[in-house]
Amino acid sequence: MRPFIADATLGFSYGLIEMLDSEGRPTGVNGGVSNEAMRRFDRTDDDLQSLLLHNSIPGPGVLVRKDLFEQVGGYSEEVYYSDWELWIKLLAHGGVPAFVDGGPLVGCRPGAYGDEHDLPRRVELFRSLDENAVAIGGRLREPRIRALVRLQLALQQTQMGSEEEAGQTLVAAFGADPSLSSDPDYVFWWLGPLQRRYLSGAGNEAEVDWLRNLPNVGRAIAAGAEAGHFGCWAVQTATPQLSPRAAETLRWAVTANEIEIAPMRARPRVLVACLVAAAKQPHVIRERWFVKSVLCAAGLWSLLGRARRLRAA
């Protein structure tokens, strides 16, 4: 029996759930992740922004303060993912979460899962959050939070095949927070973990070697966008909204990321292309993402990473 600890500063608590099979038997698979672990994973100190990226809170294991539940209007009947929306509203209005350590609190039978169910529900959720941000209030009125909601909506729309609508939504994110135009680090914080997704219908055939278009990084990004590479598509779509410096930073950030996680086969040629780019435009040598591109292409990035970990140990 877990000890009961009263804490009036908390808005809600939650813990793990155990997934059951269709007959109600335990499967040994747990659902849920602590908010602290998710912040580390997402490299942020903001629970709300992390929750907008991932629904890591399992509904059956949540206990909410009644006054806060009533303050945010409870569950919505307008969206299927009303539980995820509720957690977002709770955090937006200052609800401090607490994760209950230990084993699963409850068991949960499976529901209808899979992209054919999940993607429309995600589009519905983020569209509702965007349209009702002012009415919901709290931190959902903040420009950066509104922008992240739209970035997430654009992502889901691309996966649904609504590329034109997704492009409009992505541009609208910069309208919600104009400071994004000169903040490539934040845009890449959102985009980097997603960049190797592909637009709906592109399939695995989209994994073309768009890096072959280096040393012209702009042409390389354009080739990747045409092939359906989500990271390239996002940069290409956002470029008119970005400052020239921010656009160049994002192009090299996506390029460096691609070289780091792509197969080894293209790296020697990519290294030569990067060096040619530096010869043609010496200013890129001051761009840290360009430097990472060179180190990754030379096979040195992973070695430096291991050396850093050894020193830290």
C-alpha atoms as a PDB file:
ATOM      1  CA  MET A   1       0.000   0.000   0.000  1.00  0.00           C
ATOM      2  CA  ARG A   2       1.505   3.328  -1.056  1.00  0.00           C
ATOM      3  CA  PRO A   3       1.595   6.021   1.648  1.00  0.00           C
ATOM      4  CA  PHE A   4      -0.819   8.924   1.153  1.00  0.00           C
ATOM      5  CA  ILE A   5       0.900  12.304   0.942  1.00  0.00           C
ATOM      6  CA  ALA A   6      -1.180  15.488   0.754  1.00  0.00           C
ATOM      7  CA  ASP A   7       0.254  18.345  -1.328  1.00  0.00           C
ATOM      8  CA  ALA A   8      -1.983  21.306  -2.094  1.00  0.00           C
ATOM      9  CA  THR A   9       0.453  22.606  -4.734  1.00  0.00           C
ATOM     10  CA  LEU A  10      -0.259  19.685  -7.078  1.00  0.00           C
ATOM     11  CA  GLY A  11      -2.911  19.866  -9.779  1.00  0.00           C
ATOM     12  CA  PHE A  12      -3.086  16.196 -10.692  1.00  0.00           C
ATOM     13  CA  SER A  13      -1.258  12.926 -10.245  1.00  0.00           C
ATOM     14  CA  TYR A  14      -0.846   9.860 -12.426  1.00  0.00           C
ATOM     15  CA  GLY A  15       1.052   6.600 -12.655  1.00  0.00           C
ATOM     16  CA  LEU A  16       1.606   3.609 -14.871  1.00  0.00           C
ATOM     17  CA  ILE A  17      -1.163   1.419 -16.242  1.00  0.00           C
ATOM     18  CA  GLU A  18      -0.861  -2.212 -17.291  1.00  0.00           C
ATOM     19  CA  MET A  19      -2.191  -3.155 -20.715  1.00  0.00           C
ATOM     20  CA  LEU A  20      -4.649  -6.071 -20.663  1.00  0.00           C
ATOM     21  CA  ASP A  21      -5.554  -8.349 -23.542  1.00  0.00           C
ATOM     22  CA  SER A  22      -9.052  -8.539 -25.015  1.00  0.00           C
ATOM     23  CA  GLU A  23     -10.001 -11.062 -22.313  1.00  0.00           C
ATOM     24  CA  GLY A  24      -8.841  -8.791 -19.515  1.00  0.00           C
ATOM     25  CA  ARG A  25      -5.664 -10.751 -18.750  1.00  0.00           C
ATOM     26  CA  PRO A  26      -2.439  -8.871 -17.819  1.00  0.00           C
ATOM     27  CA  THR A  27       0.083  -8.645 -20.649  1.00  0.00           C
ATOM     28  CA  GLY A  28       3.043  -7.378 -18.628  1.00  0.00           C
ATOM     29  CA  VAL A  29       3.215  -4.299 -20.871  1.00  0.00           C
ATOM     30  CA  ASN A  30       2.926  -0.973 -19.062  1.00  0.00           C
ATOM     31  CA  GLY A  31       1.844   2.399 -20.394  1.00  0.00           C
ATOM     32  CA  GLY A  32       2.799   5.869 -19.218  1.00  0.00           C
ATOM     33  CA  VAL A  33       6.015   7.818 -18.654  1.00  0.00           C
ATOM     34  CA  SER A  34       6.838  10.284 -15.889  1.00  0.00           C
ATOM     35  CA  ASN A  35       6.797  13.942 -16.803  1.00  0.00           C
ATOM     36  CA  GLU A  36      10.406  14.242 -15.617  1.00  0.00           C
ATOM     37  CA  ALA A  37      11.523  11.458 -17.969  1.00  0.00           C
ATOM     38  CA  MET A  38       9.635  13.027 -20.871  1.00  0.00           C
ATOM     39  CA  ARG A  39      11.263  16.412 -20.259  1.00  0.00           C
ATOM     40  CA  ARG A  40      14.677  14.764 -20.403  1.00  0.00           C
ATOM     41  CA  PHE A  41      13.729  12.903 -23.571  1.00  0.00           C
ATOM     42  CA  ASP A  42      12.407  16.076 -25.239  1.00  0.00           C
ATOM     43  CA  ARG A  43      15.257  18.235 -23.921  1.00  0.00           C
ATOM     44  CA  THR A  44      12.955  20.817 -22.416  1.00  0.00           C
ATOM     45  CA  ASP A  45      12.094  22.087 -18.949  1.00  0.00           C
ATOM     46  CA  ASP A  46       8.473  22.721 -19.962  1.00  0.00           C
ATOM     47  CA  ASP A  47       5.929  19.983 -19.179  1.00  0.00           C
ATOM     48  CA  LEU A  48       3.332  21.604 -21.426  1.00  0.00           C
ATOM     49  CA  GLN A  49       5.524  21.680 -24.524  1.00  0.00           C
ATOM     50  CA  SER A  50       6.585  18.085 -23.890  1.00  0.00           C
ATOM     51  CA  LEU A  51       2.946  16.999 -23.575  1.00  0.00           C
ATOM     52  CA  LEU A  52       2.109  18.700 -26.863  1.00  0.00           C
ATOM     53  CA  LEU A  53       4.710  16.442 -28.482  1.00  0.00           C
ATOM     54  CA  HIS A  54       3.685  13.198 -26.753  1.00  0.00           C
ATOM     55  CA  ASN A  55       0.645  11.985 -24.844  1.00  0.00           C
ATOM     56  CA  SER A  56       2.613  10.277 -22.104  1.00  0.00           C
ATOM     57  CA  ILE A  57      -0.147  10.412 -19.468  1.00  0.00           C
ATOM     58  CA  PRO A  58      -2.437   7.343 -19.375  1.00  0.00           C
ATOM     59  CA  GLY A  59      -5.986   8.429 -18.579  1.00  0.00           C
ATOM     60  CA  PRO A  60      -7.024   5.514 -16.338  1.00  0.00           C
ATOM     61  CA  GLY A  61      -4.225   6.340 -13.903  1.00  0.00           C
ATOM     62  CA  VAL A  62      -5.001  10.049 -13.367  1.00  0.00           C
ATOM     63  CA  LEU A  63      -6.420  11.793 -10.296  1.00  0.00           C
ATOM     64  CA  VAL A  64      -7.285  15.505 -10.731  1.00  0.00           C
ATOM     65  CA  ARG A  65      -8.109  18.167  -8.168  1.00  0.00           C
ATOM     66  CA  LYS A  66     -11.813  18.946  -8.456  1.00  0.00           C
ATOM     67  CA  ASP A  67     -11.439  22.733  -8.478  1.00  0.00           C
ATOM     68  CA  LEU A  68      -8.858  22.635 -11.280  1.00  0.00           C
ATOM     69  CA  PHE A  69     -10.950  20.139 -13.249  1.00  0.00           C
ATOM     70  CA  GLU A  70     -13.932  22.492 -13.063  1.00  0.00           C
ATOM     71  CA  GLN A  71     -11.774  25.544 -13.818  1.00  0.00           C
ATOM     72  CA  VAL A  72     -10.664  24.145 -17.196  1.00  0.00           C
ATOM     73  CA  GLY A  73     -14.141  22.910 -18.124  1.00  0.00           C
ATOM     74  CA  GLY A  74     -13.501  19.190 -17.691  1.00  0.00           C
ATOM     75  CA  TYR A  75     -13.546  16.821 -20.629  1.00  0.00           C
ATOM     76  CA  SER A  76     -14.557  18.104 -24.056  1.00  0.00           C
ATOM     77  CA  GLU A  77     -17.157  16.261 -26.112  1.00  0.00           C
ATOM     78  CA  GLU A  78     -15.756  17.745 -29.335  1.00  0.00           C
ATOM     79  CA  VAL A  79     -12.596  15.665 -29.642  1.00  0.00           C
ATOM     80  CA  TYR A  80     -11.911  11.949 -29.345  1.00  0.00           C
ATOM     81  CA  TYR A  81      -8.647  12.507 -27.474  1.00  0.00           C
ATOM     82  CA  SER A  82     -10.484  14.419 -24.754  1.00  0.00           C
ATOM     83  CA  ASP A  83      -8.151  12.992 -22.098  1.00  0.00           C
ATOM     84  CA  TRP A  84      -5.011  14.298 -23.840  1.00  0.00           C
ATOM     85  CA  GLU A  85      -6.734  17.633 -24.333  1.00  0.00           C
ATOM     86  CA  LEU A  86      -7.637  17.733 -20.636  1.00  0.00           C
ATOM     87  CA  TRP A  87      -4.030  17.163 -19.525  1.00  0.00           C
ATOM     88  CA  ILE A  88      -2.958  19.988 -21.852  1.00  0.00           C
ATOM     89  CA  LYS A  89      -5.599  22.304 -20.371  1.00  0.00           C
ATOM     90  CA  LEU A  90      -4.574  21.391 -16.833  1.00  0.00           C
ATOM     91  CA  LEU A  91      -0.925  22.228 -17.544  1.00  0.00           C
ATOM     92  CA  ALA A  92      -1.912  25.396 -19.421  1.00  0.00           C
ATOM     93  CA  HIS A  93      -3.677  26.618 -16.292  1.00  0.00           C
ATOM     94  CA  GLY A  94      -0.811  25.891 -13.946  1.00  0.00           C
ATOM     95  CA  GLY A  95      -1.714  22.390 -12.865  1.00  0.00           C
ATOM     96  CA  VAL A  96       1.465  20.865 -11.425  1.00  0.00           C
ATOM     97  CA  PRO A  97       1.715  17.133 -12.230  1.00  0.00           C
ATOM     98  CA  ALA A  98       3.000  14.446  -9.910  1.00  0.00           C
ATOM     99  CA  PHE A  99       4.056  11.012 -11.101  1.00  0.00           C
ATOM    100  CA  VAL A 100       3.371   8.100  -8.737  1.00  0.00           C
ATOM    101  CA  ASP A 101       6.410   5.818  -8.720  1.00  0.00           C
ATOM    102  CA  GLY A 102       6.027   2.080  -8.554  1.00  0.00           C
ATOM    103  CA  GLY A 103       4.051  -0.537 -10.417  1.00  0.00           C
ATOM    104  CA  PRO A 104       0.895  -0.042 -12.482  1.00  0.00           C
ATOM    105  CA  LEU A 105      -2.055   1.578 -10.738  1.00  0.00           C
ATOM    106  CA  VAL A 106      -4.763  -0.001 -12.907  1.00  0.00           C
ATOM    107  CA  GLY A 107      -5.242  -2.338 -15.863  1.00  0.00           C
ATOM    108  CA  CYS A 108      -6.557  -1.161 -19.216  1.00  0.00           C
ATOM    109  CA  ARG A 109      -8.129  -3.134 -22.078  1.00  0.00           C
ATOM    110  CA  PRO A 110      -7.009  -2.292 -25.636  1.00  0.00           C
ATOM    111  CA  GLY A 111      -8.907   0.173 -27.778  1.00  0.00           C
ATOM    112  CA  ALA A 112      -8.872   0.954 -31.497  1.00  0.00           C
ATOM    113  CA  TYR A 113      -5.286   1.844 -32.387  1.00  0.00           C
ATOM    114  CA  GLY A 114      -3.274   2.279 -35.571  1.00  0.00           C
ATOM    115  CA  ASP A 115      -2.645   5.207 -37.907  1.00  0.00           C
ATOM    116  CA  GLU A 116      -6.035   4.836 -39.563  1.00  0.00           C
ATOM    117  CA  HIS A 117      -7.584   5.713 -36.178  1.00  0.00           C
ATOM    118  CA  ASP A 118      -4.832   7.765 -34.568  1.00  0.00           C
ATOM    119  CA  LEU A 119      -3.999  10.334 -37.262  1.00  0.00           C
ATOM    120  CA  PRO A 120      -7.536  11.713 -37.763  1.00  0.00           C
ATOM    121  CA  ARG A 121      -7.905  11.977 -33.993  1.00  0.00           C
ATOM    122  CA  ARG A 122      -4.624  13.884 -33.704  1.00  0.00           C
ATOM    123  CA  VAL A 123      -5.637  16.284 -36.463  1.00  0.00           C
ATOM    124  CA  GLU A 124      -8.947  16.802 -34.679  1.00  0.00           C
ATOM    125  CA  LEU A 125      -7.207  17.456 -31.349  1.00  0.00           C
ATOM    126  CA  PHE A 126      -4.634  19.973 -32.566  1.00  0.00           C
ATOM    127  CA  ARG A 127      -7.148  21.754 -34.772  1.00  0.00           C
ATOM    128  CA  SER A 128      -9.452  22.113 -31.772  1.00  0.00           C
ATOM    129  CA  LEU A 129      -6.601  23.390 -29.578  1.00  0.00           C
ATOM    130  CA  ASP A 130      -5.687  25.931 -32.252  1.00  0.00           C
ATOM    131  CA  GLU A 131      -9.238  27.144 -32.802  1.00  0.00           C
ATOM    132  CA  ASN A 132     -10.076  27.281 -29.088  1.00  0.00           C
ATOM    133  CA  ALA A 133      -6.758  28.544 -27.698  1.00  0.00           C
ATOM    134  CA  VAL A 134      -8.153  31.930 -26.671  1.00  0.00           C
ATOM    135  CA  ALA A 135     -11.266  30.418 -25.118  1.00  0.00           C
ATOM    136  CA  ILE A 136      -9.254  27.792 -23.214  1.00  0.00           C
ATOM    137  CA  GLY A 137      -6.896  30.514 -22.044  1.00  0.00           C
ATOM    138  CA  GLY A 138      -3.938  30.166 -19.752  1.00  0.00           C
ATOM    139  CA  ARG A 139      -0.663  29.367 -21.467  1.00  0.00           C
ATOM    140  CA  LEU A 140      -2.439  28.296 -24.657  1.00  0.00           C
ATOM    141  CA  ARG A 141      -2.610  32.013 -25.398  1.00  0.00           C
ATOM    142  CA  GLU A 142       1.180  32.303 -25.375  1.00  0.00           C
ATOM    143  CA  PRO A 143       2.581  32.883 -28.886  1.00  0.00           C
ATOM    144  CA  ARG A 144       5.173  30.098 -28.600  1.00  0.00           C
ATOM    145  CA  ILE A 145       2.619  27.562 -27.375  1.00  0.00           C
ATOM    146  CA  ARG A 146       0.174  28.524 -30.131  1.00  0.00           C
ATOM    147  CA  ALA A 147       2.966  28.135 -32.661  1.00  0.00           C
ATOM    148  CA  LEU A 148       3.861  24.664 -31.356  1.00  0.00           C
ATOM    149  CA  VAL A 149       0.216  23.596 -31.563  1.00  0.00           C
ATOM    150  CA  ARG A 150       0.204  24.631 -35.234  1.00  0.00           C
ATOM    151  CA  LEU A 151       3.512  22.922 -35.932  1.00  0.00           C
ATOM    152  CA  GLN A 152       2.091  19.718 -34.488  1.00  0.00           C
ATOM    153  CA  LEU A 153      -1.099  20.137 -36.504  1.00  0.00           C
ATOM    154  CA  ALA A 154       0.946  20.598 -39.689  1.00  0.00           C
ATOM    155  CA  LEU A 155       2.846  17.376 -38.928  1.00  0.00           C
ATOM    156  CA  GLN A 156      -0.358  15.368 -38.529  1.00  0.00           C
ATOM    157  CA  GLN A 157      -1.825  16.886 -41.682  1.00  0.00           C
ATOM    158  CA  THR A 158       1.172  15.791 -43.745  1.00  0.00           C
ATOM    159  CA  GLN A 159       0.792  12.248 -42.438  1.00  0.00           C
ATOM    160  CA  MET A 160      -2.874  12.354 -43.443  1.00  0.00           C
ATOM    161  CA  GLY A 161      -2.001  13.440 -46.987  1.00  0.00           C
ATOM    162  CA  SER A 162      -3.242  17.038 -46.628  1.00  0.00           C
ATOM    163  CA  GLU A 163       0.031  18.576 -47.789  1.00  0.00           C
ATOM    164  CA  GLU A 164      -1.371  21.876 -49.040  1.00  0.00           C
ATOM    165  CA  GLU A 165      -3.322  22.446 -45.823  1.00  0.00           C
ATOM    166  CA  ALA A 166      -0.268  21.431 -43.804  1.00  0.00           C
ATOM    167  CA  GLY A 167       1.818  24.042 -45.613  1.00  0.00           C
ATOM    168  CA  GLN A 168      -0.694  26.730 -44.717  1.00  0.00           C
ATOM    169  CA  THR A 169      -0.720  25.578 -41.097  1.00  0.00           C
ATOM    170  CA  LEU A 170       3.082  25.599 -40.923  1.00  0.00           C
ATOM    171  CA  VAL A 171       3.186  29.151 -42.234  1.00  0.00           C
ATOM    172  CA  ALA A 172       0.471  30.095 -39.721  1.00  0.00           C
ATOM    173  CA  ALA A 173       2.743  28.912 -36.903  1.00  0.00           C
ATOM    174  CA  PHE A 174       5.092  31.775 -37.751  1.00  0.00           C
ATOM    175  CA  GLY A 175       2.097  34.094 -37.706  1.00  0.00           C
ATOM    176  CA  ALA A 176       1.271  32.954 -34.175  1.00  0.00           C
ATOM    177  CA  ASP A 177       4.838  33.624 -33.013  1.00  0.00           C
ATOM    178  CA  PRO A 178       6.826  35.907 -35.335  1.00  0.00           C
ATOM    179  CA  SER A 179       9.941  35.378 -33.194  1.00  0.00           C
ATOM    180  CA  LEU A 180      10.190  31.887 -34.717  1.00  0.00           C
ATOM    181  CA  SER A 181      11.510  33.533 -37.861  1.00  0.00           C
ATOM    182  CA  SER A 182      14.813  34.210 -36.134  1.00  0.00           C
ATOM    183  CA  ASP A 183      14.878  31.205 -33.808  1.00  0.00           C
ATOM    184  CA  PRO A 184      16.130  28.238 -35.871  1.00  0.00           C
ATOM    185  CA  ASP A 185      17.244  26.389 -32.745  1.00  0.00           C
ATOM    186  CA  TYR A 186      13.657  26.110 -31.519  1.00  0.00           C
ATOM    187  CA  VAL A 187      12.321  25.139 -34.932  1.00  0.00           C
ATOM    188  CA  PHE A 188      14.964  22.422 -35.152  1.00  0.00           C
ATOM    189  CA  TRP A 189      14.216  21.301 -31.584  1.00  0.00           C
ATOM    190  CA  TRP A 190      10.745  20.464 -32.894  1.00  0.00           C
ATOM    191  CA  LEU A 191      11.772  19.288 -36.353  1.00  0.00           C
ATOM    192  CA  GLY A 192      14.943  17.291 -35.723  1.00  0.00           C
ATOM    193  CA  PRO A 193      13.370  14.172 -34.150  1.00  0.00           C
ATOM    194  CA  LEU A 194      10.698  14.169 -36.885  1.00  0.00           C
ATOM    195  CA  GLN A 195      12.726  14.940 -39.966  1.00  0.00           C
ATOM    196  CA  ARG A 196      13.025  11.402 -41.343  1.00  0.00           C
ATOM    197  CA  ARG A 197       9.284  10.972 -41.575  1.00  0.00           C
ATOM    198  CA  TYR A 198       7.840  11.189 -45.062  1.00  0.00           C
ATOM    199  CA  LEU A 199       4.814  12.846 -46.537  1.00  0.00           C
ATOM    200  CA  SER A 200       1.820  10.592 -46.979  1.00  0.00           C
ATOM    201  CA  GLY A 201       2.120   8.628 -50.206  1.00  0.00           C
ATOM    202  CA  ALA A 202       5.879   9.110 -50.505  1.00  0.00           C
ATOM    203  CA  GLY A 203       6.636   5.684 -48.995  1.00  0.00           C
ATOM    204  CA  ASN A 204      10.125   4.259 -48.612  1.00  0.00           C
ATOM    205  CA  GLU A 205      10.921   5.343 -52.148  1.00  0.00           C
ATOM    206  CA  ALA A 206      11.315   8.823 -50.680  1.00  0.00           C
ATOM    207  CA  GLU A 207      14.570   7.705 -49.031  1.00  0.00           C
ATOM    208  CA  VAL A 208      16.498   9.006 -51.994  1.00  0.00           C
ATOM    209  CA  ASP A 209      19.985  10.338 -51.493  1.00  0.00           C
ATOM    210  CA  TRP A 210      19.044  14.014 -51.603  1.00  0.00           C
ATOM    211  CA  LEU A 211      22.465  14.774 -50.110  1.00  0.00           C
ATOM    212  CA  ARG A 212      23.916  14.128 -53.556  1.00  0.00           C
ATOM    213  CA  ASN A 213      22.786  17.655 -54.424  1.00  0.00           C
ATOM    214  CA  LEU A 214      25.418  19.133 -52.131  1.00  0.00           C
ATOM    215  CA  PRO A 215      27.474  21.343 -52.073  1.00  0.00           C
ATOM    216  CA  ASN A 216      24.417  23.520 -52.829  1.00  0.00           C
ATOM    217  CA  VAL A 217      22.541  22.980 -49.559  1.00  0.00           C
ATOM    218  CA  GLY A 218      19.480  24.874 -50.792  1.00  0.00           C
ATOM    219  CA  ARG A 219      19.204  22.619 -53.826  1.00  0.00           C
ATOM    220  CA  ALA A 220      19.693  19.544 -51.635  1.00  0.00           C
ATOM    221  CA  ILE A 221      16.839  20.579 -49.324  1.00  0.00           C
ATOM    222  CA  ALA A 222      14.619  21.270 -52.335  1.00  0.00           C
ATOM    223  CA  ALA A 223      15.366  17.794 -53.724  1.00  0.00           C
ATOM    224  CA  GLY A 224      14.518  16.196 -50.400  1.00  0.00           C
ATOM    225  CA  ALA A 225      11.279  18.165 -50.185  1.00  0.00           C
ATOM    226  CA  GLU A 226      10.288  17.058 -53.684  1.00  0.00           C
ATOM    227  CA  ALA A 227      10.960  13.435 -52.699  1.00  0.00           C
ATOM    228  CA  GLY A 228       8.692  13.730 -49.662  1.00  0.00           C
ATOM    229  CA  HIS A 229      11.304  13.945 -46.880  1.00  0.00           C
ATOM    230  CA  PHE A 230       9.419  15.685 -44.052  1.00  0.00           C
ATOM    231  CA  GLY A 231      12.393  17.615 -42.671  1.00  0.00           C
ATOM    232  CA  CYS A 232      13.294  19.018 -46.080  1.00  0.00           C
ATOM    233  CA  TRP A 233       9.635  19.767 -46.830  1.00  0.00           C
ATOM    234  CA  ALA A 234       9.252  21.678 -43.548  1.00  0.00           C
ATOM    235  CA  VAL A 235      12.387  23.767 -44.130  1.00  0.00           C
ATOM    236  CA  GLN A 236      11.447  24.466 -47.737  1.00  0.00           C
ATOM    237  CA  THR A 237       7.912  25.482 -46.733  1.00  0.00           C
ATOM    238  CA  ALA A 238       9.089  27.668 -43.851  1.00  0.00           C
ATOM    239  CA  THR A 239      11.929  29.389 -45.739  1.00  0.00           C
ATOM    240  CA  PRO A 240       9.876  32.437 -46.858  1.00  0.00           C
ATOM    241  CA  GLN A 241       8.990  33.012 -43.184  1.00  0.00           C
ATOM    242  CA  LEU A 242      12.573  32.682 -41.937  1.00  0.00           C
ATOM    243  CA  SER A 243      15.340  35.234 -41.858  1.00  0.00           C
ATOM    244  CA  PRO A 244      18.108  34.380 -44.360  1.00  0.00           C
ATOM    245  CA  ARG A 245      20.468  33.416 -41.522  1.00  0.00           C
ATOM    246  CA  ALA A 246      17.842  31.243 -39.824  1.00  0.00           C
ATOM    247  CA  ALA A 247      16.989  29.508 -43.108  1.00  0.00           C
ATOM    248  CA  GLU A 248      20.640  28.655 -43.749  1.00  0.00           C
ATOM    249  CA  THR A 249      21.059  27.381 -40.180  1.00  0.00           C
ATOM    250  CA  LEU A 250      18.020  25.122 -40.535  1.00  0.00           C
ATOM    251  CA  ARG A 251      19.205  23.762 -43.883  1.00  0.00           C
ATOM    252  CA  TRP A 252      22.555  22.750 -42.406  1.00  0.00           C
ATOM    253  CA  ALA A 253      20.913  21.438 -39.214  1.00  0.00           C
ATOM    254  CA  VAL A 254      18.699  19.060 -41.219  1.00  0.00           C
ATOM    255  CA  THR A 255      21.682  18.127 -43.387  1.00  0.00           C
ATOM    256  CA  ALA A 256      23.910  17.370 -40.393  1.00  0.00           C
ATOM    257  CA  ASN A 257      21.169  15.303 -38.796  1.00  0.00           C
ATOM    258  CA  GLU A 258      20.656  13.349 -42.013  1.00  0.00           C
ATOM    259  CA  ILE A 259      24.366  12.597 -42.402  1.00  0.00           C
ATOM    260  CA  GLU A 260      24.541  11.445 -38.776  1.00  0.00           C
ATOM    261  CA  ILE A 261      21.688   8.933 -39.056  1.00  0.00           C
ATOM    262  CA  ALA A 262      21.884   8.003 -42.760  1.00  0.00           C
ATOM    263  CA  PRO A 263      23.767   4.896 -43.958  1.00  0.00           C
ATOM    264  CA  MET A 264      27.544   5.151 -44.190  1.00  0.00           C
ATOM    265  CA  ARG A 265      27.730   4.711 -47.963  1.00  0.00           C
ATOM    266  CA  ALA A 266      27.430   8.392 -48.960  1.00  0.00           C
ATOM    267  CA  ARG A 267      29.701   9.978 -46.385  1.00  0.00           C
ATOM    268  CA  PRO A 268      33.018  10.308 -48.281  1.00  0.00           C
ATOM    269  CA  ARG A 269      31.283  11.996 -51.205  1.00  0.00           C
ATOM    270  CA  VAL A 270      29.270  14.172 -48.840  1.00  0.00           C
ATOM    271  CA  LEU A 271      32.488  15.207 -47.050  1.00  0.00           C
ATOM    272  CA  VAL A 272      33.961  16.398 -50.346  1.00  0.00           C
ATOM    273  CA  ALA A 273      30.725  18.241 -51.119  1.00  0.00           C
ATOM    274  CA  CYS A 274      30.825  19.998 -47.743  1.00  0.00           C
ATOM    275  CA  LEU A 275      34.414  21.084 -48.302  1.00  0.00           C
ATOM    276  CA  VAL A 276      33.471  22.434 -51.723  1.00  0.00           C
ATOM    277  CA  ALA A 277      30.603  24.347 -50.091  1.00  0.00           C
ATOM    278  CA  ALA A 278      33.062  25.885 -47.635  1.00  0.00           C
ATOM    279  CA  ALA A 279      35.382  26.866 -50.469  1.00  0.00           C
ATOM    280  CA  LYS A 280      32.542  28.590 -52.313  1.00  0.00           C
ATOM    281  CA  GLN A 281      30.989  30.181 -49.211  1.00  0.00           C
ATOM    282  CA  PRO A 282      33.641  30.492 -46.487  1.00  0.00           C
ATOM    283  CA  HIS A 283      31.155  32.013 -44.041  1.00  0.00           C
ATOM    284  CA  VAL A 284      29.545  28.578 -43.499  1.00  0.00           C
ATOM    285  CA  ILE A 285      32.625  27.508 -41.555  1.00  0.00           C
ATOM    286  CA  ARG A 286      31.232  29.604 -38.692  1.00  0.00           C
ATOM    287  CA  GLU A 287      27.944  27.663 -38.817  1.00  0.00           C
ATOM    288  CA  ARG A 288      28.032  24.966 -36.115  1.00  0.00           C
ATOM    289  CA  TRP A 289      25.663  22.699 -38.032  1.00  0.00           C
ATOM    290  CA  PHE A 290      27.958  22.861 -41.038  1.00  0.00           C
ATOM    291  CA  VAL A 291      30.853  21.860 -38.792  1.00  0.00           C
ATOM    292  CA  LYS A 292      28.799  18.930 -37.528  1.00  0.00           C
ATOM    293  CA  SER A 293      28.044  17.964 -41.140  1.00  0.00           C
ATOM    294  CA  VAL A 294      31.773  17.816 -41.877  1.00  0.00           C
ATOM    295  CA  LEU A 295      32.558  15.836 -38.735  1.00  0.00           C
ATOM    296  CA  CYS A 296      29.723  13.357 -39.394  1.00  0.00           C
ATOM    297  CA  ALA A 297      30.722  12.910 -43.020  1.00  0.00           C
ATOM    298  CA  ALA A 298      34.319  12.296 -41.927  1.00  0.00           C
ATOM    299  CA  GLY A 299      33.179   9.696 -39.397  1.00  0.00           C
ATOM    300  CA  LEU A 300      34.539  11.740 -36.491  1.00  0.00           C
ATOM    301  CA  TRP A 301      31.293  12.801 -34.820  1.00  0.00           C
ATOM    302  CA  SER A 302      30.605   9.446 -33.162  1.00  0.00           C
ATOM    303  CA  LEU A 303      34.228   9.210 -32.029  1.00  0.00           C
ATOM    304  CA  LEU A 304      33.998  12.643 -30.403  1.00  0.00           C
ATOM    305  CA  GLY A 305      30.750  11.598 -28.735  1.00  0.00           C
ATOM    306  CA  ARG A 306      32.378   8.497 -27.254  1.00  0.00           C
ATOM    307  CA  ALA A 307      35.314  10.581 -26.057  1.00  0.00           C
ATOM    308  CA  ARG A 308      32.956  13.023 -24.323  1.00  0.00           C
ATOM    309  CA  ARG A 309      31.121  10.170 -22.598  1.00  0.00           C
ATOM    310  CA  LEU A 310      34.395   8.665 -21.405  1.00  0.00           C
ATOM    311  CA  ARG A 311      35.511  11.990 -19.946  1.00  0.00           C
ATOM    312  CA  ALA A 312      32.132  12.425 -18.241  1.00  0.00           C
ATOM    313  CA  ALA A 313      32.425   8.949 -16.717  1.00  0.00           C
END
